[in-house]
């Protein structure tokens, strides 16, 4: 997370897509991906203007209920002082909405980091404060942590608030996102989870989650075993049968594949050059995004000609 603490009148915030869970790491593991939303936030003399290009263009009409606006105002108020008289926000969105790639976490992070950068006393709002607020807004830290930190993150809760640690991902790890046309609300996906699970399933996931960290950070040849899950994917399959079937097909041919976050996107880990051959087999109903792991997380820059966002 690259932050700017000295106040200016406009900033450019870039936030990466994220994939949470990664199979067995339910509500704990997350990965930052090289697919980005770029947002300009500018203080104005009065009023509110929102422009959105790309994904979620309809959200421009939400006004004060737009997620970036709400998180910006909440963070600005927490830092203290009078609210800014006006805001102008321009978004170029590439992260698909309601597909399990962390679009709401990206918007939340953008709003908070922009408020910190534009507030005259933003320097006193620490990285821990940012994580805590983002987690409270999102409800859990598994997506906001990699969005803020980049790389592979492990997130957990303590009595003093959420915590996260970041790890570098092995160079041979190549994520590919298979994004369907249809959306799935996270609330619906979570509603399918049982209140209790068998002890054997919990124990199996614990071991696989530990193995997954080793696989992602240095032993990618272990990813097929490491991405096995017994806690959530099977329970959610009825809400996304095509995604569940794709995961099964890919895994049957030896490709580590999981449901990304709450779905319905499927995330696979491939070796160099394998992505094209897999893509040719999954059909035309999926948007295929060969990606890399974003190592930096969200970044903030003052606005100038070089940092103006575009739809490119």
C-alpha atoms as a PDB file:
ATOM      1  CA  UNK A   1       0.000   0.000   0.000  1.00  0.00           C
ATOM      2  CA  UNK A   2       1.557   3.259  -1.177  1.00  0.00           C
ATOM      3  CA  UNK A   3       0.094   6.194   0.742  1.00  0.00           C
ATOM      4  CA  UNK A   4       0.225   9.951   0.397  1.00  0.00           C
ATOM      5  CA  UNK A   5      -0.176  11.920   3.623  1.00  0.00           C
ATOM      6  CA  UNK A   6       0.445  15.545   2.650  1.00  0.00           C
ATOM      7  CA  UNK A   7      -2.851  17.066   1.545  1.00  0.00           C
ATOM      8  CA  UNK A   8      -3.592  17.980  -2.055  1.00  0.00           C
ATOM      9  CA  UNK A   9      -6.784  18.729  -3.934  1.00  0.00           C
ATOM     10  CA  UNK A  10      -6.901  15.622  -6.129  1.00  0.00           C
ATOM     11  CA  UNK A  11      -5.472  12.117  -6.090  1.00  0.00           C
ATOM     12  CA  UNK A  12      -5.383   9.088  -8.328  1.00  0.00           C
ATOM     13  CA  UNK A  13      -5.953   5.770  -6.549  1.00  0.00           C
ATOM     14  CA  UNK A  14      -5.312   2.431  -8.250  1.00  0.00           C
ATOM     15  CA  UNK A  15      -6.750  -0.652  -6.517  1.00  0.00           C
ATOM     16  CA  UNK A  16      -6.213  -4.256  -7.630  1.00  0.00           C
ATOM     17  CA  UNK A  17      -8.729  -7.048  -7.958  1.00  0.00           C
ATOM     18  CA  UNK A  18      -8.393  -9.761  -5.354  1.00  0.00           C
ATOM     19  CA  UNK A  19      -9.280 -13.414  -4.942  1.00  0.00           C
ATOM     20  CA  UNK A  20     -10.111 -14.619  -1.438  1.00  0.00           C
ATOM     21  CA  UNK A  21     -10.241 -18.110   0.060  1.00  0.00           C
ATOM     22  CA  UNK A  22      -8.162 -19.714  -2.741  1.00  0.00           C
ATOM     23  CA  UNK A  23      -9.819 -22.999  -1.910  1.00  0.00           C
ATOM     24  CA  UNK A  24      -9.121 -24.014   1.709  1.00  0.00           C
ATOM     25  CA  UNK A  25      -8.130 -20.587   3.110  1.00  0.00           C
ATOM     26  CA  UNK A  26     -11.714 -19.577   3.899  1.00  0.00           C
ATOM     27  CA  UNK A  27     -11.998 -15.987   5.189  1.00  0.00           C
ATOM     28  CA  UNK A  28      -8.233 -15.894   5.770  1.00  0.00           C
ATOM     29  CA  UNK A  29      -6.173 -16.059   2.558  1.00  0.00           C
ATOM     30  CA  UNK A  30      -6.244 -13.567  -0.286  1.00  0.00           C
ATOM     31  CA  UNK A  31      -4.302 -12.807  -3.442  1.00  0.00           C
ATOM     32  CA  UNK A  32      -3.897  -9.476  -5.263  1.00  0.00           C
ATOM     33  CA  UNK A  33      -4.262  -9.658  -9.056  1.00  0.00           C
ATOM     34  CA  UNK A  34      -3.144  -7.453 -11.959  1.00  0.00           C
ATOM     35  CA  UNK A  35      -6.623  -6.217 -12.857  1.00  0.00           C
ATOM     36  CA  UNK A  36      -7.321  -2.682 -11.647  1.00  0.00           C
ATOM     37  CA  UNK A  37      -9.838   0.028 -10.949  1.00  0.00           C
ATOM     38  CA  UNK A  38      -8.411   3.532 -11.424  1.00  0.00           C
ATOM     39  CA  UNK A  39     -10.150   6.380  -9.634  1.00  0.00           C
ATOM     40  CA  UNK A  40      -9.602  10.126  -9.435  1.00  0.00           C
ATOM     41  CA  UNK A  41     -10.976  11.859  -6.357  1.00  0.00           C
ATOM     42  CA  UNK A  42     -10.952  15.654  -6.335  1.00  0.00           C
ATOM     43  CA  UNK A  43     -12.070  18.145  -3.707  1.00  0.00           C
ATOM     44  CA  UNK A  44     -14.526  20.684  -5.108  1.00  0.00           C
ATOM     45  CA  UNK A  45     -16.162  23.902  -3.948  1.00  0.00           C
ATOM     46  CA  UNK A  46     -19.598  22.290  -3.769  1.00  0.00           C
ATOM     47  CA  UNK A  47     -21.778  19.393  -4.870  1.00  0.00           C
ATOM     48  CA  UNK A  48     -21.076  15.799  -5.845  1.00  0.00           C
ATOM     49  CA  UNK A  49     -20.241  14.509  -9.330  1.00  0.00           C
ATOM     50  CA  UNK A  50     -19.543  10.867 -10.143  1.00  0.00           C
ATOM     51  CA  UNK A  51     -18.470   9.477 -13.500  1.00  0.00           C
ATOM     52  CA  UNK A  52     -17.993   5.748 -14.123  1.00  0.00           C
ATOM     53  CA  UNK A  53     -16.539   4.104 -17.220  1.00  0.00           C
ATOM     54  CA  UNK A  54     -16.390   0.342 -17.639  1.00  0.00           C
ATOM     55  CA  UNK A  55     -17.699  -2.069 -15.050  1.00  0.00           C
ATOM     56  CA  UNK A  56     -20.577  -0.839 -12.906  1.00  0.00           C
ATOM     57  CA  UNK A  57     -21.448   2.219 -14.995  1.00  0.00           C
ATOM     58  CA  UNK A  58     -24.920   2.173 -13.424  1.00  0.00           C
ATOM     59  CA  UNK A  59     -23.430   2.962  -9.996  1.00  0.00           C
ATOM     60  CA  UNK A  60     -22.758   6.563 -11.054  1.00  0.00           C
ATOM     61  CA  UNK A  61     -26.420   7.286 -10.311  1.00  0.00           C
ATOM     62  CA  UNK A  62     -26.177   6.311  -6.648  1.00  0.00           C
ATOM     63  CA  UNK A  63     -24.891   9.672  -5.476  1.00  0.00           C
ATOM     64  CA  UNK A  64     -24.222   9.707  -1.760  1.00  0.00           C
ATOM     65  CA  UNK A  65     -24.935   5.959  -1.639  1.00  0.00           C
ATOM     66  CA  UNK A  66     -22.046   5.165  -3.977  1.00  0.00           C
ATOM     67  CA  UNK A  67     -19.624   2.957  -2.049  1.00  0.00           C
ATOM     68  CA  UNK A  68     -16.592   5.151  -2.725  1.00  0.00           C
ATOM     69  CA  UNK A  69     -18.465   8.238  -1.550  1.00  0.00           C
ATOM     70  CA  UNK A  70     -19.717   6.533   1.618  1.00  0.00           C
ATOM     71  CA  UNK A  71     -16.304   5.155   2.558  1.00  0.00           C
ATOM     72  CA  UNK A  72     -14.581   8.442   1.720  1.00  0.00           C
ATOM     73  CA  UNK A  73     -16.945  10.380   3.986  1.00  0.00           C
ATOM     74  CA  UNK A  74     -16.689   7.858   6.805  1.00  0.00           C
ATOM     75  CA  UNK A  75     -12.894   7.873   6.740  1.00  0.00           C
ATOM     76  CA  UNK A  76     -12.725  11.671   6.457  1.00  0.00           C
ATOM     77  CA  UNK A  77     -15.045  12.049   9.468  1.00  0.00           C
ATOM     78  CA  UNK A  78     -12.986   9.613  11.531  1.00  0.00           C
ATOM     79  CA  UNK A  79      -9.844  11.635  10.888  1.00  0.00           C
ATOM     80  CA  UNK A  80     -11.758  14.706  12.099  1.00  0.00           C
ATOM     81  CA  UNK A  81     -12.746  18.233  11.134  1.00  0.00           C
ATOM     82  CA  UNK A  82     -15.330  19.617   8.753  1.00  0.00           C
ATOM     83  CA  UNK A  83     -16.224  17.566   5.672  1.00  0.00           C
ATOM     84  CA  UNK A  84     -15.113  18.843   2.265  1.00  0.00           C
ATOM     85  CA  UNK A  85     -17.742  21.066   0.588  1.00  0.00           C
ATOM     86  CA  UNK A  86     -17.762  19.095  -2.645  1.00  0.00           C
ATOM     87  CA  UNK A  87     -16.357  16.029  -4.409  1.00  0.00           C
ATOM     88  CA  UNK A  88     -15.665  14.991  -7.989  1.00  0.00           C
ATOM     89  CA  UNK A  89     -15.022  11.296  -8.590  1.00  0.00           C
ATOM     90  CA  UNK A  90     -14.085   9.700 -11.895  1.00  0.00           C
ATOM     91  CA  UNK A  91     -13.795   5.898 -12.068  1.00  0.00           C
ATOM     92  CA  UNK A  92     -12.355   3.672 -14.775  1.00  0.00           C
ATOM     93  CA  UNK A  93     -13.431   0.233 -13.575  1.00  0.00           C
ATOM     94  CA  UNK A  94     -12.058  -3.059 -14.867  1.00  0.00           C
ATOM     95  CA  UNK A  95     -12.865  -5.340 -11.932  1.00  0.00           C
ATOM     96  CA  UNK A  96     -16.124  -7.223 -12.654  1.00  0.00           C
ATOM     97  CA  UNK A  97     -18.874  -6.557 -10.117  1.00  0.00           C
ATOM     98  CA  UNK A  98     -20.431  -9.329  -7.994  1.00  0.00           C
ATOM     99  CA  UNK A  99     -18.156 -11.980  -9.517  1.00  0.00           C
ATOM    100  CA  UNK A 100     -15.871 -12.855  -6.584  1.00  0.00           C
ATOM    101  CA  UNK A 101     -12.952 -10.610  -7.562  1.00  0.00           C
ATOM    102  CA  UNK A 102     -13.155  -8.056  -4.764  1.00  0.00           C
ATOM    103  CA  UNK A 103     -14.840  -5.139  -6.548  1.00  0.00           C
ATOM    104  CA  UNK A 104     -16.470  -3.848  -3.356  1.00  0.00           C
ATOM    105  CA  UNK A 105     -13.208  -4.196  -1.436  1.00  0.00           C
ATOM    106  CA  UNK A 106     -11.436  -2.177  -4.131  1.00  0.00           C
ATOM    107  CA  UNK A 107     -14.058   0.580  -3.901  1.00  0.00           C
ATOM    108  CA  UNK A 108     -13.819   0.585  -0.113  1.00  0.00           C
ATOM    109  CA  UNK A 109     -10.042   0.830  -0.193  1.00  0.00           C
ATOM    110  CA  UNK A 110     -10.171   3.621  -2.790  1.00  0.00           C
ATOM    111  CA  UNK A 111     -12.530   5.705  -0.669  1.00  0.00           C
ATOM    112  CA  UNK A 112     -10.494   5.323   2.508  1.00  0.00           C
ATOM    113  CA  UNK A 113      -7.098   5.942   0.926  1.00  0.00           C
ATOM    114  CA  UNK A 114      -8.386   8.971  -0.980  1.00  0.00           C
ATOM    115  CA  UNK A 115      -9.789  10.455   2.231  1.00  0.00           C
ATOM    116  CA  UNK A 116      -6.507   9.912   4.032  1.00  0.00           C
ATOM    117  CA  UNK A 117      -4.524  11.457   1.198  1.00  0.00           C
ATOM    118  CA  UNK A 118      -6.781  14.507   0.846  1.00  0.00           C
ATOM    119  CA  UNK A 119      -7.375  15.248   4.531  1.00  0.00           C
ATOM    120  CA  UNK A 120      -4.999  17.883   6.019  1.00  0.00           C
ATOM    121  CA  UNK A 121      -4.377  15.563   8.985  1.00  0.00           C
ATOM    122  CA  UNK A 122      -4.494  12.295   7.086  1.00  0.00           C
ATOM    123  CA  UNK A 123      -1.023  11.322   8.244  1.00  0.00           C
ATOM    124  CA  UNK A 124      -2.376  10.391  11.648  1.00  0.00           C
ATOM    125  CA  UNK A 125      -4.643   7.730  10.112  1.00  0.00           C
ATOM    126  CA  UNK A 126      -2.337   4.711  10.202  1.00  0.00           C
ATOM    127  CA  UNK A 127      -2.249   1.634   7.988  1.00  0.00           C
ATOM    128  CA  UNK A 128      -3.781  -0.299  10.886  1.00  0.00           C
ATOM    129  CA  UNK A 129      -6.608   2.252  10.979  1.00  0.00           C
ATOM    130  CA  UNK A 130      -7.167   1.795   7.247  1.00  0.00           C
ATOM    131  CA  UNK A 131      -7.334  -1.993   7.602  1.00  0.00           C
ATOM    132  CA  UNK A 132      -9.690  -1.760  10.573  1.00  0.00           C
ATOM    133  CA  UNK A 133     -12.115   0.583   8.834  1.00  0.00           C
ATOM    134  CA  UNK A 134     -12.041  -1.349   5.558  1.00  0.00           C
ATOM    135  CA  UNK A 135     -12.694  -4.587   7.442  1.00  0.00           C
ATOM    136  CA  UNK A 136     -15.599  -3.061   9.345  1.00  0.00           C
ATOM    137  CA  UNK A 137     -17.186  -1.801   6.129  1.00  0.00           C
ATOM    138  CA  UNK A 138     -16.615  -5.061   4.237  1.00  0.00           C
ATOM    139  CA  UNK A 139     -17.351  -7.361   7.179  1.00  0.00           C
ATOM    140  CA  UNK A 140     -14.152  -9.392   6.860  1.00  0.00           C
ATOM    141  CA  UNK A 141     -10.499  -8.703   5.909  1.00  0.00           C
ATOM    142  CA  UNK A 142      -9.773 -11.452   3.375  1.00  0.00           C
ATOM    143  CA  UNK A 143     -10.199  -9.202   0.304  1.00  0.00           C
ATOM    144  CA  UNK A 144      -9.247  -5.812   1.708  1.00  0.00           C
ATOM    145  CA  UNK A 145      -5.925  -7.145   3.029  1.00  0.00           C
ATOM    146  CA  UNK A 146      -4.470  -8.154  -0.370  1.00  0.00           C
ATOM    147  CA  UNK A 147      -6.012  -5.075  -1.971  1.00  0.00           C
ATOM    148  CA  UNK A 148      -4.053  -2.929   0.481  1.00  0.00           C
ATOM    149  CA  UNK A 149      -0.853  -4.975   0.702  1.00  0.00           C
ATOM    150  CA  UNK A 150      -0.469  -6.823  -2.586  1.00  0.00           C
ATOM    151  CA  UNK A 151       0.893 -10.350  -2.933  1.00  0.00           C
ATOM    152  CA  UNK A 152      -0.491 -13.162  -0.797  1.00  0.00           C
ATOM    153  CA  UNK A 153      -1.980 -12.119   2.522  1.00  0.00           C
ATOM    154  CA  UNK A 154      -3.086 -13.962   5.624  1.00  0.00           C
ATOM    155  CA  UNK A 155      -5.690 -12.052   7.633  1.00  0.00           C
ATOM    156  CA  UNK A 156      -7.098 -12.746  11.077  1.00  0.00           C
ATOM    157  CA  UNK A 157      -9.004 -11.085  13.892  1.00  0.00           C
ATOM    158  CA  UNK A 158      -7.705 -10.233  17.364  1.00  0.00           C
ATOM    159  CA  UNK A 159      -9.243  -8.531  20.350  1.00  0.00           C
ATOM    160  CA  UNK A 160      -7.502  -5.353  19.183  1.00  0.00           C
ATOM    161  CA  UNK A 161      -8.859  -5.576  15.649  1.00  0.00           C
ATOM    162  CA  UNK A 162      -7.975  -7.217  12.308  1.00  0.00           C
ATOM    163  CA  UNK A 163      -4.396  -8.062  11.449  1.00  0.00           C
ATOM    164  CA  UNK A 164      -2.665  -9.148   8.261  1.00  0.00           C
ATOM    165  CA  UNK A 165       0.718 -10.287   7.063  1.00  0.00           C
ATOM    166  CA  UNK A 166       2.000 -10.368   3.502  1.00  0.00           C
ATOM    167  CA  UNK A 167       4.051 -12.968   1.628  1.00  0.00           C
ATOM    168  CA  UNK A 168       5.691 -12.922  -1.791  1.00  0.00           C
ATOM    169  CA  UNK A 169       4.325 -15.397  -4.330  1.00  0.00           C
ATOM    170  CA  UNK A 170       6.593 -17.738  -6.263  1.00  0.00           C
ATOM    171  CA  UNK A 171       7.483 -16.559  -9.760  1.00  0.00           C
ATOM    172  CA  UNK A 172       5.964 -19.657 -11.366  1.00  0.00           C
ATOM    173  CA  UNK A 173       2.436 -18.967 -10.138  1.00  0.00           C
ATOM    174  CA  UNK A 174       0.207 -17.776 -13.007  1.00  0.00           C
ATOM    175  CA  UNK A 175      -3.436 -17.075 -12.104  1.00  0.00           C
ATOM    176  CA  UNK A 176      -6.145 -17.135 -14.770  1.00  0.00           C
ATOM    177  CA  UNK A 177      -9.639 -15.845 -13.984  1.00  0.00           C
ATOM    178  CA  UNK A 178     -12.640 -17.361 -15.789  1.00  0.00           C
ATOM    179  CA  UNK A 179     -15.425 -14.822 -15.376  1.00  0.00           C
ATOM    180  CA  UNK A 180     -19.038 -15.703 -16.281  1.00  0.00           C
ATOM    181  CA  UNK A 181     -21.635 -13.234 -17.469  1.00  0.00           C
ATOM    182  CA  UNK A 182     -23.957 -13.729 -14.505  1.00  0.00           C
ATOM    183  CA  UNK A 183     -23.452 -12.225 -11.072  1.00  0.00           C
ATOM    184  CA  UNK A 184     -23.797 -13.695  -7.601  1.00  0.00           C
ATOM    185  CA  UNK A 185     -24.329 -11.640  -4.466  1.00  0.00           C
ATOM    186  CA  UNK A 186     -21.910 -12.461  -1.671  1.00  0.00           C
ATOM    187  CA  UNK A 187     -24.795 -12.477   0.803  1.00  0.00           C
ATOM    188  CA  UNK A 188     -26.535 -15.240  -1.143  1.00  0.00           C
ATOM    189  CA  UNK A 189     -23.360 -17.333  -1.325  1.00  0.00           C
ATOM    190  CA  UNK A 190     -22.727 -16.954   2.407  1.00  0.00           C
ATOM    191  CA  UNK A 191     -26.315 -17.866   3.154  1.00  0.00           C
ATOM    192  CA  UNK A 192     -25.726 -21.350   1.734  1.00  0.00           C
ATOM    193  CA  UNK A 193     -23.046 -22.215   4.280  1.00  0.00           C
ATOM    194  CA  UNK A 194     -23.989 -24.504   7.178  1.00  0.00           C
ATOM    195  CA  UNK A 195     -23.543 -23.374  10.773  1.00  0.00           C
ATOM    196  CA  UNK A 196     -21.386 -26.421  11.565  1.00  0.00           C
ATOM    197  CA  UNK A 197     -19.135 -28.723   9.537  1.00  0.00           C
ATOM    198  CA  UNK A 198     -17.696 -32.176  10.303  1.00  0.00           C
ATOM    199  CA  UNK A 199     -14.513 -32.158  12.365  1.00  0.00           C
ATOM    200  CA  UNK A 200     -12.747 -34.202   9.687  1.00  0.00           C
ATOM    201  CA  UNK A 201     -13.507 -31.554   7.061  1.00  0.00           C
ATOM    202  CA  UNK A 202     -12.223 -28.763   9.300  1.00  0.00           C
ATOM    203  CA  UNK A 203      -9.039 -30.713   9.994  1.00  0.00           C
ATOM    204  CA  UNK A 204      -8.513 -31.424   6.303  1.00  0.00           C
ATOM    205  CA  UNK A 205      -8.901 -27.752   5.410  1.00  0.00           C
ATOM    206  CA  UNK A 206      -6.484 -26.719   8.131  1.00  0.00           C
ATOM    207  CA  UNK A 207      -3.791 -28.909   6.636  1.00  0.00           C
ATOM    208  CA  UNK A 208      -4.543 -27.851   3.073  1.00  0.00           C
ATOM    209  CA  UNK A 209      -4.450 -24.143   3.996  1.00  0.00           C
ATOM    210  CA  UNK A 210      -0.987 -24.602   5.492  1.00  0.00           C
ATOM    211  CA  UNK A 211       0.104 -26.512   2.396  1.00  0.00           C
ATOM    212  CA  UNK A 212      -1.340 -23.782   0.164  1.00  0.00           C
ATOM    213  CA  UNK A 213       0.916 -21.144   1.722  1.00  0.00           C
ATOM    214  CA  UNK A 214       3.942 -23.346   1.040  1.00  0.00           C
ATOM    215  CA  UNK A 215       2.756 -24.018  -2.525  1.00  0.00           C
ATOM    216  CA  UNK A 216       2.106 -20.381  -3.405  1.00  0.00           C
ATOM    217  CA  UNK A 217       5.359 -19.089  -1.918  1.00  0.00           C
ATOM    218  CA  UNK A 218       7.786 -21.688  -3.227  1.00  0.00           C
ATOM    219  CA  UNK A 219       6.326 -25.050  -4.220  1.00  0.00           C
ATOM    220  CA  UNK A 220       3.772 -24.422  -6.983  1.00  0.00           C
ATOM    221  CA  UNK A 221       3.919 -28.076  -8.024  1.00  0.00           C
ATOM    222  CA  UNK A 222       1.877 -28.774  -4.854  1.00  0.00           C
ATOM    223  CA  UNK A 223      -0.983 -26.463  -5.820  1.00  0.00           C
ATOM    224  CA  UNK A 224      -3.404 -29.161  -6.981  1.00  0.00           C
ATOM    225  CA  UNK A 225      -3.436 -30.857  -3.574  1.00  0.00           C
ATOM    226  CA  UNK A 226      -3.099 -27.537  -1.750  1.00  0.00           C
ATOM    227  CA  UNK A 227      -6.262 -26.045  -3.274  1.00  0.00           C
ATOM    228  CA  UNK A 228      -8.616 -28.805  -2.121  1.00  0.00           C
ATOM    229  CA  UNK A 229     -11.507 -27.461  -0.050  1.00  0.00           C
ATOM    230  CA  UNK A 230     -14.221 -29.022   2.130  1.00  0.00           C
ATOM    231  CA  UNK A 231     -15.608 -25.987   3.933  1.00  0.00           C
ATOM    232  CA  UNK A 232     -17.484 -23.861   1.420  1.00  0.00           C
ATOM    233  CA  UNK A 233     -17.275 -24.647  -2.294  1.00  0.00           C
ATOM    234  CA  UNK A 234     -19.509 -27.729  -2.331  1.00  0.00           C
ATOM    235  CA  UNK A 235     -22.157 -25.989  -0.226  1.00  0.00           C
ATOM    236  CA  UNK A 236     -22.237 -23.036  -2.623  1.00  0.00           C
ATOM    237  CA  UNK A 237     -22.267 -25.128  -5.807  1.00  0.00           C
ATOM    238  CA  UNK A 238     -26.086 -25.054  -6.236  1.00  0.00           C
ATOM    239  CA  UNK A 239     -25.906 -21.257  -6.673  1.00  0.00           C
ATOM    240  CA  UNK A 240     -23.248 -21.545  -9.403  1.00  0.00           C
ATOM    241  CA  UNK A 241     -23.464 -24.971 -11.077  1.00  0.00           C
ATOM    242  CA  UNK A 242     -21.503 -23.907 -14.176  1.00  0.00           C
ATOM    243  CA  UNK A 243     -18.638 -22.624 -12.051  1.00  0.00           C
ATOM    244  CA  UNK A 244     -18.600 -25.753  -9.889  1.00  0.00           C
ATOM    245  CA  UNK A 245     -18.561 -27.914 -13.033  1.00  0.00           C
ATOM    246  CA  UNK A 246     -15.665 -25.917 -14.506  1.00  0.00           C
ATOM    247  CA  UNK A 247     -13.651 -26.339 -11.308  1.00  0.00           C
ATOM    248  CA  UNK A 248     -14.237 -30.099 -11.485  1.00  0.00           C
ATOM    249  CA  UNK A 249     -13.244 -30.280 -15.161  1.00  0.00           C
ATOM    250  CA  UNK A 250     -10.059 -28.306 -14.655  1.00  0.00           C
ATOM    251  CA  UNK A 251      -9.030 -30.275 -11.590  1.00  0.00           C
ATOM    252  CA  UNK A 252      -9.735 -33.554 -13.380  1.00  0.00           C
ATOM    253  CA  UNK A 253      -7.101 -32.605 -15.955  1.00  0.00           C
ATOM    254  CA  UNK A 254      -4.615 -31.661 -13.218  1.00  0.00           C
ATOM    255  CA  UNK A 255      -5.142 -27.884 -13.174  1.00  0.00           C
ATOM    256  CA  UNK A 256      -5.424 -26.325  -9.686  1.00  0.00           C
ATOM    257  CA  UNK A 257      -8.745 -24.477  -9.789  1.00  0.00           C
ATOM    258  CA  UNK A 258     -10.986 -22.914  -7.139  1.00  0.00           C
ATOM    259  CA  UNK A 259     -13.993 -20.672  -6.791  1.00  0.00           C
ATOM    260  CA  UNK A 260     -12.728 -17.107  -6.454  1.00  0.00           C
ATOM    261  CA  UNK A 261     -14.106 -15.595  -3.260  1.00  0.00           C
ATOM    262  CA  UNK A 262     -17.854 -16.140  -3.090  1.00  0.00           C
ATOM    263  CA  UNK A 263     -17.930 -16.808  -6.855  1.00  0.00           C
ATOM    264  CA  UNK A 264     -18.978 -17.290  -9.500  1.00  0.00           C
ATOM    265  CA  UNK A 265     -15.547 -16.571 -11.054  1.00  0.00           C
ATOM    266  CA  UNK A 266     -13.210 -19.555 -11.269  1.00  0.00           C
ATOM    267  CA  UNK A 267      -9.525 -18.966 -10.547  1.00  0.00           C
ATOM    268  CA  UNK A 268      -6.974 -21.420 -11.938  1.00  0.00           C
ATOM    269  CA  UNK A 269      -3.222 -21.580 -11.497  1.00  0.00           C
ATOM    270  CA  UNK A 270      -1.361 -22.494 -14.670  1.00  0.00           C
ATOM    271  CA  UNK A 271       2.180 -22.912 -15.863  1.00  0.00           C
ATOM    272  CA  UNK A 272       3.628 -20.638 -18.539  1.00  0.00           C
ATOM    273  CA  UNK A 273       1.825 -21.113 -21.843  1.00  0.00           C
ATOM    274  CA  UNK A 274      -0.873 -23.388 -20.399  1.00  0.00           C
ATOM    275  CA  UNK A 275      -3.532 -20.684 -20.131  1.00  0.00           C
ATOM    276  CA  UNK A 276      -4.283 -20.592 -23.869  1.00  0.00           C
ATOM    277  CA  UNK A 277      -4.830 -24.331 -24.139  1.00  0.00           C
ATOM    278  CA  UNK A 278      -7.150 -24.332 -21.129  1.00  0.00           C
ATOM    279  CA  UNK A 279      -9.095 -21.376 -22.462  1.00  0.00           C
ATOM    280  CA  UNK A 280      -9.808 -23.183 -25.710  1.00  0.00           C
ATOM    281  CA  UNK A 281     -11.547 -25.970 -23.794  1.00  0.00           C
ATOM    282  CA  UNK A 282     -13.853 -24.065 -21.435  1.00  0.00           C
ATOM    283  CA  UNK A 283     -16.237 -22.647 -24.033  1.00  0.00           C
ATOM    284  CA  UNK A 284     -17.294 -19.194 -25.115  1.00  0.00           C
ATOM    285  CA  UNK A 285     -19.489 -18.317 -22.132  1.00  0.00           C
ATOM    286  CA  UNK A 286     -16.498 -17.262 -20.027  1.00  0.00           C
ATOM    287  CA  UNK A 287     -14.375 -14.119 -20.138  1.00  0.00           C
ATOM    288  CA  UNK A 288     -10.806 -15.335 -19.687  1.00  0.00           C
ATOM    289  CA  UNK A 289      -8.284 -13.073 -17.974  1.00  0.00           C
ATOM    290  CA  UNK A 290      -4.672 -14.331 -17.820  1.00  0.00           C
ATOM    291  CA  UNK A 291      -3.204 -12.373 -14.916  1.00  0.00           C
ATOM    292  CA  UNK A 292      -0.220 -12.043 -12.640  1.00  0.00           C
ATOM    293  CA  UNK A 293       0.008 -11.474  -8.924  1.00  0.00           C
ATOM    294  CA  UNK A 294       0.070  -7.770  -8.060  1.00  0.00           C
ATOM    295  CA  UNK A 295       3.014  -7.267  -5.676  1.00  0.00           C
ATOM    296  CA  UNK A 296       2.246  -3.770  -4.391  1.00  0.00           C
ATOM    297  CA  UNK A 297      -1.427  -3.367  -3.533  1.00  0.00           C
ATOM    298  CA  UNK A 298      -3.363  -0.132  -3.797  1.00  0.00           C
ATOM    299  CA  UNK A 299      -1.359   3.006  -4.534  1.00  0.00           C
ATOM    300  CA  UNK A 300      -2.098   6.718  -4.283  1.00  0.00           C
ATOM    301  CA  UNK A 301      -0.559   9.488  -6.359  1.00  0.00           C
ATOM    302  CA  UNK A 302      -1.197  13.218  -6.670  1.00  0.00           C
ATOM    303  CA  UNK A 303      -2.980  14.144  -9.877  1.00  0.00           C
ATOM    304  CA  UNK A 304      -0.886  15.354 -12.784  1.00  0.00           C
ATOM    305  CA  UNK A 305      -0.922  14.759 -16.533  1.00  0.00           C
ATOM    306  CA  UNK A 306       0.976  11.467 -16.163  1.00  0.00           C
ATOM    307  CA  UNK A 307      -1.457  10.043 -13.602  1.00  0.00           C
ATOM    308  CA  UNK A 308      -4.777  11.054 -15.211  1.00  0.00           C
ATOM    309  CA  UNK A 309      -6.860   7.923 -15.603  1.00  0.00           C
ATOM    310  CA  UNK A 310      -8.051   6.673 -18.949  1.00  0.00           C
ATOM    311  CA  UNK A 311     -10.013   3.749 -20.256  1.00  0.00           C
ATOM    312  CA  UNK A 312      -6.969   2.217 -21.903  1.00  0.00           C
END
